[in-house]
Amino acid sequence: MLKPRVVFGRTHGSTLYFTLFFKAEQADLGFALLGLDSLESSRLRDGFLNTAPFSDSHMPRGLFMHTQTLKADLLLLTTAILWGVAFVAQRKGMESIGPMAFNGIRFALGSLSLVPLILMMDRRKNGRKLLPHSDTRWRAAWRSGLPVGLVLFGGATLQQVGIVFTTAGKAGFITGLYVVMVPLFGLFWKQRPSLGTWAGAFLAAVGLYFLSITQEFTMEFGDFLVLLGAFFWTAHVLLLGWLSPQRDPVKLACCQFAVCSAFSLLSALFFENFSWQAVHNAAIPILYGGFVSVGIAYTLQVVGQKNAPPAHAAILLSMECPIAALAGWILLGETLSLRSLLGCALMLAGMLLSQLATIFRPAPQYLKMRASSASHK
């Protein structure tokens, strides 16, 4: 019997994934359940990628495997760089266009950018293109994409509005707190986080204090909104943990992007002064957020996580946070005080500790929501 457990998760404004491990009696198969950004779950369910057994250490052997791992690590590092710089694009885009319109167009482009990948994978698997009207998985993806897209809309909106009032670097680190929140929320399903997870959460909380809490014990409005958004990202991951095993993960990603785009554009019509001139002025940030951080980075992660050990992926993709701060400093001239830098360092340490402690922990039964749901049908 397969016993799933959450391993780690990453997110930013347009990309999100988390990892599960399934322990079987005869094999130990590690794969990533795709929320917005990975195809590893399809190894077992859809066969998009070749299923590969992992050793206890999850480390490749031989020169060929070493080369494959090195290439995968470079792809994941590139992905983290693209995601980190995306926070700068989000910040820069707010100079010309409202946050709702920005997200609406950006996620529409992100959804469209996945269509070629979906068609290519369908052709690779079936020898032909499966169009929405002829593929039942599209209909299933749309049914699940609606609730997931609504949660994504909440997280993306809070983050995008919050980034107007804070820096790209702070937004990157505060958003990354969801990595620590996900295993802690397992308490609602009677799952006990490891000691390392609690220690990581403590470090992250102390880091947040140094990063965002002032000497008057107040928090900046933008930081507060981004922090609220982190709770939505956490809910998003857990919701995907329930739905992804039952759906084509890439089609689900495409559909939830489309749903988020639709609600964002509808909100922009009611709450913002929308103009095509504003879209033109923010064209570069919008294109980067839609095509680069979703389309290109998504594909790189899909390829990279095929051969990267989970610990490598956890560390490399966590680099998104410091890269966001570095990109904000280089491209926008944003600076952080020594107190804020200490907070960033503690938060990054907490995220890594939480992820790695869960990866190397013996697999408990986790996320029983799916089994519980099936038993009540």
Protein backbone atom coordinates (compact mmCIF):
# COMPACT_ATOMS: atom_id res chain seq x y z
CA MET A 1 0.00 0.00 0.00
CA LEU A 2 1.33 3.43 -0.90
CA LYS A 3 1.75 5.85 1.99
CA PRO A 4 2.19 9.50 0.96
CA ARG A 5 3.88 12.28 2.91
CA VAL A 6 4.63 15.88 2.10
CA VAL A 7 8.30 16.63 1.65
CA PHE A 8 8.77 20.21 0.64
CA GLY A 9 7.24 23.05 -1.29
CA ARG A 10 8.19 26.23 -3.07
CA THR A 11 6.23 29.11 -4.42
CA HIS A 12 6.34 32.55 -5.80
CA GLY A 13 3.91 34.80 -7.58
CA SER A 14 3.18 32.45 -10.42
CA THR A 15 4.75 29.12 -9.60
CA LEU A 16 4.13 26.57 -6.97
CA TYR A 17 4.97 22.95 -6.30
CA PHE A 18 5.43 20.52 -3.49
CA THR A 19 6.81 17.04 -3.13
CA LEU A 20 5.41 13.79 -1.84
CA PHE A 21 7.10 10.44 -1.37
CA PHE A 22 5.26 7.18 -1.69
CA LYS A 23 6.69 4.26 0.26
CA ALA A 24 5.93 0.81 -1.13
CA GLU A 25 6.92 -2.55 0.30
CA GLN A 26 9.13 -3.50 -2.63
CA ALA A 27 10.24 -0.09 -3.92
CA ASP A 28 10.90 3.42 -2.81
CA LEU A 29 9.70 5.76 -5.53
CA GLY A 30 10.24 9.48 -5.10
CA PHE A 31 8.38 11.95 -7.21
CA ALA A 32 7.04 15.47 -7.13
CA LEU A 33 3.32 16.08 -7.11
CA LEU A 34 2.81 18.97 -9.44
CA GLY A 35 0.89 21.87 -8.11
CA LEU A 36 1.73 24.52 -10.65
CA ASP A 37 5.19 23.49 -11.60
CA SER A 38 6.19 19.84 -11.89
CA LEU A 39 5.42 16.70 -13.84
CA GLU A 40 7.01 14.16 -11.54
CA SER A 41 3.68 12.78 -10.30
CA SER A 42 2.94 11.65 -13.84
CA ARG A 43 5.78 9.12 -13.61
CA LEU A 44 3.43 6.71 -11.93
CA ARG A 45 0.01 7.96 -13.00
CA ASP A 46 0.33 9.01 -16.63
CA GLY A 47 3.77 7.86 -17.74
CA PHE A 48 4.84 11.27 -19.08
CA LEU A 49 8.27 10.67 -17.53
CA ASN A 50 10.10 7.42 -16.99
CA THR A 51 9.61 5.96 -13.54
CA ALA A 52 12.99 5.64 -11.83
CA PRO A 53 13.70 3.94 -8.50
CA PHE A 54 15.59 5.93 -5.91
CA SER A 55 18.10 4.51 -3.52
CA ASP A 56 17.82 5.18 0.22
CA SER A 57 20.22 8.07 -0.13
CA HIS A 58 18.41 9.35 -3.27
CA MET A 59 21.82 9.89 -4.84
CA PRO A 60 22.75 8.91 -8.42
CA ARG A 61 25.62 6.51 -9.14
CA GLY A 62 28.09 6.46 -11.98
CA LEU A 63 29.47 9.14 -14.22
CA PHE A 64 26.37 9.29 -16.43
CA MET A 65 24.07 9.76 -13.47
CA HIS A 66 26.44 12.34 -12.01
CA THR A 67 26.33 14.31 -15.26
CA GLN A 68 22.55 14.04 -15.40
CA THR A 69 22.28 15.30 -11.83
CA LEU A 70 24.63 18.19 -12.52
CA LYS A 71 22.56 19.24 -15.53
CA ALA A 72 19.37 18.94 -13.48
CA ASP A 73 20.86 21.06 -10.70
CA LEU A 74 21.83 23.76 -13.19
CA LEU A 75 18.31 23.76 -14.62
CA LEU A 76 16.79 24.10 -11.14
CA LEU A 77 19.20 26.90 -10.22
CA THR A 78 18.21 28.70 -13.44
CA THR A 79 14.57 28.21 -12.47
CA ALA A 80 15.19 29.77 -9.06
CA ILE A 81 16.92 32.74 -10.71
CA LEU A 82 14.00 33.28 -13.09
CA TRP A 83 11.51 33.08 -10.22
CA GLY A 84 13.53 35.43 -8.01
CA VAL A 85 13.78 38.06 -10.73
CA ALA A 86 10.02 37.70 -11.26
CA PHE A 87 9.48 39.60 -7.99
CA VAL A 88 11.31 42.54 -9.56
CA ALA A 89 9.05 42.30 -12.61
CA GLN A 90 6.01 42.30 -10.35
CA ARG A 91 7.30 45.34 -8.47
CA LYS A 92 8.24 47.21 -11.66
CA GLY A 93 4.92 46.47 -13.33
CA MET A 94 3.07 48.26 -10.53
CA GLU A 95 4.52 51.58 -11.73
CA SER A 96 2.26 51.48 -14.79
CA ILE A 97 -0.69 49.18 -14.18
CA GLY A 98 -2.92 48.01 -11.34
CA PRO A 99 -2.22 44.73 -9.54
CA MET A 100 -5.44 43.04 -10.69
CA ALA A 101 -4.89 43.84 -14.36
CA PHE A 102 -1.24 42.82 -14.08
CA ASN A 103 -2.16 39.43 -12.62
CA GLY A 104 -5.02 38.95 -15.07
CA ILE A 105 -2.87 39.38 -18.16
CA ARG A 106 0.11 37.66 -16.65
CA PHE A 107 -1.74 34.49 -15.67
CA ALA A 108 -3.53 34.44 -19.03
CA LEU A 109 -0.14 34.40 -20.75
CA GLY A 110 1.05 31.77 -18.28
CA SER A 111 -1.91 29.54 -19.09
CA LEU A 112 -1.39 29.92 -22.83
CA SER A 113 2.33 29.26 -22.50
CA LEU A 114 1.59 25.77 -21.16
CA VAL A 115 -0.58 24.75 -24.11
CA PRO A 116 2.38 23.84 -26.41
CA LEU A 117 3.90 21.75 -23.62
CA ILE A 118 0.59 19.95 -23.09
CA LEU A 119 0.16 19.24 -26.80
CA MET A 120 3.73 17.98 -27.05
CA MET A 121 3.28 15.67 -24.08
CA ASP A 122 -0.05 14.38 -25.38
CA ARG A 123 1.53 13.61 -28.73
CA ARG A 124 4.47 11.91 -27.04
CA LYS A 125 2.16 9.76 -24.96
CA ASN A 126 -0.62 9.07 -27.43
CA GLY A 127 0.93 9.75 -30.82
CA ARG A 128 -1.61 12.48 -31.49
CA LYS A 129 -2.86 15.76 -30.12
CA LEU A 130 -5.71 15.50 -27.66
CA LEU A 131 -7.90 18.57 -27.93
CA PRO A 132 -10.09 19.78 -25.04
CA HIS A 133 -13.31 18.41 -26.59
CA SER A 134 -11.81 14.92 -27.09
CA ASP A 135 -9.87 14.47 -23.85
CA THR A 136 -11.83 13.79 -20.66
CA ARG A 137 -8.81 14.86 -18.61
CA TRP A 138 -9.40 18.43 -19.76
CA ARG A 139 -12.92 18.38 -18.34
CA ALA A 140 -11.66 16.91 -15.07
CA ALA A 141 -8.93 19.54 -14.93
CA TRP A 142 -11.47 22.34 -15.36
CA ARG A 143 -13.65 20.98 -12.55
CA SER A 144 -10.68 20.97 -10.18
CA GLY A 145 -9.16 24.10 -11.66
CA LEU A 146 -12.03 26.27 -10.49
CA PRO A 147 -11.54 25.89 -6.68
CA VAL A 148 -7.76 25.74 -7.00
CA GLY A 149 -7.76 28.82 -9.23
CA LEU A 150 -9.87 30.72 -6.70
CA VAL A 151 -7.34 30.00 -3.94
CA LEU A 152 -4.55 30.96 -6.31
CA PHE A 153 -6.41 34.19 -7.05
CA GLY A 154 -6.51 35.01 -3.34
CA GLY A 155 -2.80 34.37 -2.81
CA ALA A 156 -1.70 36.14 -5.98
CA THR A 157 -3.89 39.17 -5.29
CA LEU A 158 -2.64 39.64 -1.74
CA GLN A 159 0.95 39.23 -2.89
CA GLN A 160 0.61 41.60 -5.84
CA VAL A 161 -1.16 44.32 -3.84
CA GLY A 162 1.29 43.87 -0.98
CA ILE A 163 4.32 44.21 -3.23
CA VAL A 164 3.19 47.75 -4.03
CA PHE A 165 3.97 48.68 -0.42
CA THR A 166 7.08 46.58 0.21
CA THR A 167 10.29 45.54 -1.54
CA ALA A 168 10.80 42.65 -3.93
CA GLY A 169 13.27 41.00 -1.57
CA LYS A 170 11.00 41.14 1.48
CA ALA A 171 8.07 39.85 -0.57
CA GLY A 172 10.18 36.91 -1.74
CA PHE A 173 11.21 35.88 1.76
CA ILE A 174 7.78 36.37 3.36
CA THR A 175 6.07 34.41 0.58
CA GLY A 176 8.57 31.61 1.11
CA LEU A 177 7.24 31.11 4.63
CA TYR A 178 4.60 28.83 3.18
CA VAL A 179 7.36 26.20 2.95
CA VAL A 180 7.36 26.06 6.74
CA MET A 181 3.58 26.37 7.07
CA VAL A 182 2.67 23.35 4.93
CA PRO A 183 4.06 20.63 7.24
CA LEU A 184 2.76 22.48 10.31
CA PHE A 185 -0.74 22.49 8.87
CA GLY A 186 -0.45 18.71 8.80
CA LEU A 187 -1.50 18.94 12.46
CA PHE A 188 -5.07 19.34 11.20
CA TRP A 189 -4.77 15.81 9.78
CA LYS A 190 -3.18 14.49 12.99
CA GLN A 191 0.29 14.44 11.48
CA ARG A 192 3.12 15.26 13.85
CA PRO A 193 5.81 17.49 12.29
CA SER A 194 9.39 16.46 12.96
CA LEU A 195 11.61 18.24 15.43
CA GLY A 196 13.49 19.75 12.51
CA THR A 197 10.25 21.16 11.13
CA TRP A 198 9.47 22.85 14.45
CA ALA A 199 13.02 24.19 14.67
CA GLY A 200 12.74 25.51 11.10
CA ALA A 201 9.43 27.19 11.93
CA PHE A 202 10.98 28.83 14.98
CA LEU A 203 13.93 30.16 12.97
CA ALA A 204 11.57 31.45 10.27
CA ALA A 205 9.36 33.19 12.84
CA VAL A 206 12.38 34.86 14.46
CA GLY A 207 13.60 35.86 11.01
CA LEU A 208 10.21 37.37 10.16
CA TYR A 209 10.42 39.41 13.35
CA PHE A 210 13.78 40.88 12.38
CA LEU A 211 12.69 41.40 8.77
CA SER A 212 9.26 42.98 9.19
CA ILE A 213 8.47 43.87 12.81
CA THR A 214 9.56 47.38 13.73
CA GLN A 215 10.88 48.51 17.09
CA GLU A 216 7.34 49.74 17.84
CA PHE A 217 6.10 46.16 17.28
CA THR A 218 4.20 47.07 14.12
CA MET A 219 4.33 45.49 10.67
CA GLU A 220 4.36 47.36 7.39
CA PHE A 221 1.09 47.12 5.47
CA GLY A 222 2.71 45.52 2.43
CA ASP A 223 4.49 42.91 4.53
CA PHE A 224 1.21 42.08 6.27
CA LEU A 225 -0.61 41.53 2.97
CA VAL A 226 2.15 39.29 1.63
CA LEU A 227 2.09 37.33 4.90
CA LEU A 228 -1.67 36.79 4.53
CA GLY A 229 -0.97 35.63 1.00
CA ALA A 230 1.41 32.98 2.36
CA PHE A 231 -1.56 31.36 4.13
CA PHE A 232 -3.37 31.17 0.79
CA TRP A 233 -0.29 29.57 -0.79
CA THR A 234 -0.32 27.02 2.04
CA ALA A 235 -3.98 26.23 1.42
CA HIS A 236 -3.21 26.03 -2.28
CA VAL A 237 -0.53 23.39 -1.74
CA LEU A 238 -2.75 21.29 0.51
CA LEU A 239 -5.66 21.52 -1.92
CA LEU A 240 -3.40 20.40 -4.74
CA GLY A 241 -2.19 17.54 -2.58
CA TRP A 242 -5.74 16.25 -2.59
CA LEU A 243 -6.63 16.95 -6.22
CA SER A 244 -3.40 16.43 -8.18
CA PRO A 245 -3.26 12.63 -7.91
CA GLN A 246 -6.68 12.48 -9.56
CA ARG A 247 -5.96 14.91 -12.41
CA ASP A 248 -3.52 15.54 -15.23
CA PRO A 249 -1.17 17.90 -13.36
CA VAL A 250 -0.15 20.12 -16.28
CA LYS A 251 -3.70 20.51 -17.54
CA LEU A 252 -4.74 21.34 -13.99
CA ALA A 253 -2.02 23.99 -13.84
CA CYS A 254 -3.17 25.46 -17.15
CA CYS A 255 -6.80 25.57 -16.02
CA GLN A 256 -6.12 27.14 -12.63
CA PHE A 257 -4.01 29.84 -14.26
CA ALA A 258 -6.93 30.58 -16.57
CA VAL A 259 -9.39 30.76 -13.66
CA CYS A 260 -7.08 33.07 -11.72
CA SER A 261 -6.71 35.25 -14.81
CA ALA A 262 -10.47 35.49 -15.33
CA PHE A 263 -11.19 36.56 -11.75
CA SER A 264 -8.27 39.01 -11.76
CA LEU A 265 -9.44 40.67 -14.99
CA LEU A 266 -13.02 40.84 -13.71
CA SER A 267 -11.78 42.50 -10.51
CA ALA A 268 -9.69 44.94 -12.53
CA LEU A 269 -12.78 46.05 -14.48
CA PHE A 270 -14.57 46.92 -11.24
CA PHE A 271 -11.77 48.24 -9.03
CA GLU A 272 -9.10 49.65 -11.35
CA ASN A 273 -8.80 52.16 -14.16
CA PHE A 274 -7.83 49.83 -16.96
CA SER A 275 -6.23 51.21 -20.15
CA TRP A 276 -4.29 49.70 -23.03
CA GLN A 277 -1.66 52.39 -22.61
CA ALA A 278 -0.98 51.07 -19.11
CA VAL A 279 -0.66 47.56 -20.53
CA HIS A 280 1.78 48.87 -23.13
CA ASN A 281 3.87 50.63 -20.47
CA ALA A 282 4.04 47.47 -18.35
CA ALA A 283 4.55 45.14 -21.30
CA ILE A 284 8.03 43.91 -20.36
CA PRO A 285 7.18 43.01 -16.72
CA ILE A 286 3.93 41.37 -17.86
CA LEU A 287 5.66 39.33 -20.56
CA TYR A 288 8.37 38.28 -18.14
CA GLY A 289 5.85 37.29 -15.47
CA GLY A 290 3.71 35.36 -17.96
CA PHE A 291 6.08 33.69 -20.39
CA VAL A 292 9.42 33.57 -18.57
CA SER A 293 8.53 32.84 -14.95
CA VAL A 294 5.69 30.51 -15.92
CA GLY A 295 6.33 29.08 -19.40
CA ILE A 296 10.12 28.85 -19.45
CA ALA A 297 10.77 28.32 -15.74
CA TYR A 298 7.95 25.79 -15.56
CA THR A 299 9.48 23.73 -18.36
CA LEU A 300 12.96 23.94 -16.84
CA GLN A 301 11.65 22.67 -13.53
CA VAL A 302 9.81 19.82 -15.24
CA VAL A 303 13.05 18.68 -16.89
CA GLY A 304 15.27 19.45 -13.90
CA GLN A 305 13.26 17.59 -11.27
CA LYS A 306 13.28 14.48 -13.41
CA ASN A 307 16.90 13.75 -12.39
CA ALA A 308 17.56 15.98 -9.37
CA PRO A 309 17.64 14.37 -5.89
CA PRO A 310 14.96 15.89 -3.62
CA ALA A 311 17.53 17.47 -1.28
CA HIS A 312 19.20 19.21 -4.23
CA ALA A 313 15.85 20.52 -5.45
CA ALA A 314 14.90 21.78 -1.99
CA ILE A 315 18.12 23.76 -1.58
CA LEU A 316 18.38 25.10 -5.13
CA LEU A 317 14.77 26.22 -5.42
CA SER A 318 15.01 27.91 -2.01
CA MET A 319 17.58 30.20 -3.59
CA GLU A 320 14.64 32.06 -5.12
CA CYS A 321 14.35 34.10 -1.90
CA PRO A 322 17.90 35.52 -1.73
CA ILE A 323 17.89 35.95 -5.52
CA ALA A 324 14.75 38.10 -5.20
CA ALA A 325 16.54 40.31 -2.67
CA LEU A 326 19.69 40.46 -4.80
CA ALA A 327 17.72 41.27 -7.95
CA GLY A 328 15.82 43.99 -6.10
CA TRP A 329 19.11 45.53 -5.03
CA ILE A 330 20.73 45.36 -8.48
CA LEU A 331 17.75 46.27 -10.66
CA LEU A 332 15.65 48.48 -8.38
CA GLY A 333 18.21 49.86 -5.97
CA GLU A 334 16.39 48.35 -2.98
CA THR A 335 18.42 47.98 0.18
CA LEU A 336 17.92 46.03 3.39
CA SER A 337 19.22 47.03 6.81
CA LEU A 338 21.50 44.72 8.78
CA ARG A 339 18.50 43.81 10.93
CA SER A 340 16.51 42.85 7.82
CA LEU A 341 19.43 40.89 6.37
CA LEU A 342 19.69 38.93 9.63
CA GLY A 343 15.98 38.21 9.35
CA CYS A 344 16.40 36.99 5.78
CA ALA A 345 19.25 34.69 6.78
CA LEU A 346 17.23 33.18 9.63
CA MET A 347 14.17 32.70 7.43
CA LEU A 348 16.21 30.98 4.72
CA ALA A 349 17.82 28.73 7.32
CA GLY A 350 14.41 27.88 8.72
CA MET A 351 13.02 27.03 5.27
CA LEU A 352 15.95 24.77 4.44
CA LEU A 353 15.88 23.06 7.83
CA SER A 354 12.14 22.44 7.58
CA GLN A 355 12.43 20.98 4.08
CA LEU A 356 15.52 18.85 4.61
CA ALA A 357 14.31 17.54 7.99
CA THR A 358 11.14 16.31 6.29
CA ILE A 359 12.99 14.82 3.31
CA PHE A 360 15.29 12.68 5.45
CA ARG A 361 12.66 11.77 8.01
CA PRO A 362 11.24 8.20 7.82
CA ALA A 363 8.00 8.45 5.89
CA PRO A 364 4.91 8.71 8.10
CA GLN A 365 1.37 8.41 6.85
CA TYR A 366 0.50 11.87 5.64
CA LEU A 367 -2.29 13.71 3.90
CA LYS A 368 -5.02 11.24 4.71
CA MET A 369 -7.55 13.68 3.29
CA ARG A 370 -7.67 11.72 0.06
CA ALA A 371 -8.24 8.36 1.74
CA SER A 372 -10.80 9.89 4.10
CA SER A 373 -12.62 11.46 1.20
CA ALA A 374 -12.72 8.16 -0.69
CA SER A 375 -14.04 6.29 2.35
CA HIS A 376 -17.05 8.62 2.61
CA LYS A 377 -18.12 8.18 -1.02
